[in-house]
């Protein structure tokens, strides 16, 4: 049987790149969960906390979904440790501004993952994560206007 080695290697590097991107996404989801937990501590306003908690709750779901995709691609389980060195903010407004940027960047990064996935089920899963991140983006913009 004849193998086109260029195709083989390009597919190999594409998969490794995809795996690396998924690992980075898992790290980002862990990071953001800790960040949002700290942000909730910065306010006593239930309306503000509710907006942050929405994103906080989704981050563990996203981590689990990316973990499942990683396992399907590699056959290996991966557990990313919860980060202890999450940035500190002087004000909730600074944290919200950072979160707006972070959610936008996550959407862009997850679109790259989406484009590399080998099947529809995985793409549907990442599409769900992307739409959640877009909703977080909108909620943080709303939160920015609430506290400004």
Protein backbone atom coordinates (compact mmCIF):
# COMPACT_ATOMS: atom_id res chain seq x y z
CA UNK A 1 0.00 0.00 0.00
CA UNK A 2 1.33 3.45 -0.92
CA UNK A 3 1.22 6.30 1.61
CA UNK A 4 1.65 9.89 0.62
CA UNK A 5 4.05 10.95 3.39
CA UNK A 6 3.25 14.65 2.97
CA UNK A 7 -0.39 13.94 3.74
CA UNK A 8 0.55 11.71 6.67
CA UNK A 9 2.83 14.28 8.27
CA UNK A 10 0.53 17.20 7.66
CA UNK A 11 -2.30 15.25 9.31
CA UNK A 12 0.01 14.26 12.18
CA UNK A 13 1.05 17.86 12.84
CA UNK A 14 -2.53 19.06 12.50
CA UNK A 15 -3.66 16.60 15.16
CA UNK A 16 -0.81 17.55 17.50
CA UNK A 17 -1.67 21.19 17.00
CA UNK A 18 -5.31 20.42 17.77
CA UNK A 19 -4.36 18.53 20.92
CA UNK A 20 -2.20 21.43 22.07
CA UNK A 21 -5.04 23.87 21.44
CA UNK A 22 -7.42 21.71 23.46
CA UNK A 23 -4.96 21.54 26.35
CA UNK A 24 -4.68 25.35 26.25
CA UNK A 25 -8.47 25.64 26.20
CA UNK A 26 -8.73 23.36 29.24
CA UNK A 27 -6.16 25.52 31.08
CA UNK A 28 -8.11 28.66 30.16
CA UNK A 29 -11.38 27.20 31.43
CA UNK A 30 -9.75 26.24 34.75
CA UNK A 31 -8.19 29.70 35.02
CA UNK A 32 -11.42 31.56 34.28
CA UNK A 33 -13.37 29.59 36.86
CA UNK A 34 -10.93 30.69 39.58
CA UNK A 35 -10.94 34.25 38.24
CA UNK A 36 -14.75 34.44 38.29
CA UNK A 37 -14.85 33.02 41.79
CA UNK A 38 -12.57 35.83 42.92
CA UNK A 39 -14.67 38.38 41.04
CA UNK A 40 -17.83 37.25 42.86
CA UNK A 41 -16.05 37.99 46.14
CA UNK A 42 -15.49 41.58 44.98
CA UNK A 43 -19.20 42.45 45.09
CA UNK A 44 -22.12 42.20 47.47
CA UNK A 45 -24.69 43.10 44.82
CA UNK A 46 -26.76 39.99 44.00
CA UNK A 47 -27.41 41.21 40.42
CA UNK A 48 -23.68 41.56 39.77
CA UNK A 49 -22.87 38.20 41.35
CA UNK A 50 -25.61 36.54 39.28
CA UNK A 51 -24.02 37.71 36.01
CA UNK A 52 -20.56 36.47 37.03
CA UNK A 53 -21.89 33.19 38.41
CA UNK A 54 -23.47 32.37 35.07
CA UNK A 55 -20.03 32.31 33.44
CA UNK A 56 -18.47 30.66 36.50
CA UNK A 57 -20.89 27.73 36.28
CA UNK A 58 -20.28 27.25 32.55
CA UNK A 59 -16.50 27.05 32.89
CA UNK A 60 -16.55 23.64 34.60
CA UNK A 61 -18.92 22.34 31.91
CA UNK A 62 -16.57 23.59 29.20
CA UNK A 63 -13.57 22.02 30.90
CA UNK A 64 -15.39 18.69 30.99
CA UNK A 65 -16.42 18.92 27.33
CA UNK A 66 -12.88 19.74 26.19
CA UNK A 67 -11.57 16.94 28.40
CA UNK A 68 -13.96 14.52 26.71
CA UNK A 69 -12.85 15.63 23.24
CA UNK A 70 -9.19 15.29 24.25
CA UNK A 71 -9.87 11.73 25.42
CA UNK A 72 -11.70 10.88 22.19
CA UNK A 73 -8.76 12.15 20.14
CA UNK A 74 -5.91 10.69 22.18
CA UNK A 75 -7.31 7.86 24.30
CA UNK A 76 -5.68 9.59 27.30
CA UNK A 77 -7.23 11.30 30.28
CA UNK A 78 -5.79 14.66 31.20
CA UNK A 79 -6.38 16.56 34.42
CA UNK A 80 -5.26 20.17 34.41
CA UNK A 81 -4.51 21.39 37.95
CA UNK A 82 -6.52 24.30 39.28
CA UNK A 83 -4.28 27.37 38.95
CA UNK A 84 -3.12 29.17 42.05
CA UNK A 85 -1.53 32.16 40.33
CA UNK A 86 -4.58 33.92 38.93
CA UNK A 87 -4.11 37.65 38.39
CA UNK A 88 -5.46 40.03 41.02
CA UNK A 89 -7.46 43.13 40.19
CA UNK A 90 -7.75 46.36 42.16
CA UNK A 91 -11.37 46.87 41.15
CA UNK A 92 -14.24 44.80 39.85
CA UNK A 93 -14.34 47.10 36.82
CA UNK A 94 -10.77 46.08 35.88
CA UNK A 95 -11.70 42.42 36.23
CA UNK A 96 -14.81 42.87 34.10
CA UNK A 97 -12.85 44.65 31.37
CA UNK A 98 -10.32 41.83 31.37
CA UNK A 99 -13.14 39.29 31.18
CA UNK A 100 -14.69 41.01 28.17
CA UNK A 101 -11.36 40.70 26.34
CA UNK A 102 -10.85 37.15 27.57
CA UNK A 103 -14.25 35.94 26.40
CA UNK A 104 -13.70 37.48 22.97
CA UNK A 105 -10.28 35.81 22.70
CA UNK A 106 -11.78 32.48 23.79
CA UNK A 107 -14.33 32.64 20.97
CA UNK A 108 -11.53 33.20 18.45
CA UNK A 109 -9.40 30.37 19.88
CA UNK A 110 -12.31 27.95 20.00
CA UNK A 111 -13.19 28.70 16.38
CA UNK A 112 -9.71 27.49 15.45
CA UNK A 113 -10.33 24.27 17.40
CA UNK A 114 -13.73 23.90 15.74
CA UNK A 115 -12.16 24.10 12.28
CA UNK A 116 -9.66 21.31 13.08
CA UNK A 117 -12.05 18.78 14.59
CA UNK A 118 -12.49 15.52 12.67
CA UNK A 119 -16.21 14.91 13.14
CA UNK A 120 -19.55 16.60 13.54
CA UNK A 121 -20.18 15.47 17.11
CA UNK A 122 -16.99 17.16 18.32
CA UNK A 123 -17.71 20.28 16.26
CA UNK A 124 -21.24 20.44 17.73
CA UNK A 125 -19.75 20.26 21.22
CA UNK A 126 -17.31 23.10 20.52
CA UNK A 127 -20.07 25.09 18.84
CA UNK A 128 -22.01 24.87 22.13
CA UNK A 129 -18.96 26.13 24.01
CA UNK A 130 -18.48 28.98 21.53
CA UNK A 131 -22.09 30.13 21.91
CA UNK A 132 -21.73 29.99 25.71
CA UNK A 133 -18.59 32.14 25.51
CA UNK A 134 -20.42 34.61 23.28
CA UNK A 135 -23.16 34.82 25.89
CA UNK A 136 -20.54 35.42 28.61
CA UNK A 137 -19.13 38.23 26.47
CA UNK A 138 -22.58 39.86 26.32
CA UNK A 139 -23.17 39.40 30.04
CA UNK A 140 -19.84 41.00 30.91
CA UNK A 141 -20.61 43.96 28.66
CA UNK A 142 -23.94 44.27 30.47
CA UNK A 143 -22.13 44.00 33.80
CA UNK A 144 -19.69 46.71 32.69
CA UNK A 145 -22.62 49.05 32.04
CA UNK A 146 -24.18 48.12 35.40
CA UNK A 147 -21.16 49.05 37.48
CA UNK A 148 -19.88 51.99 35.43
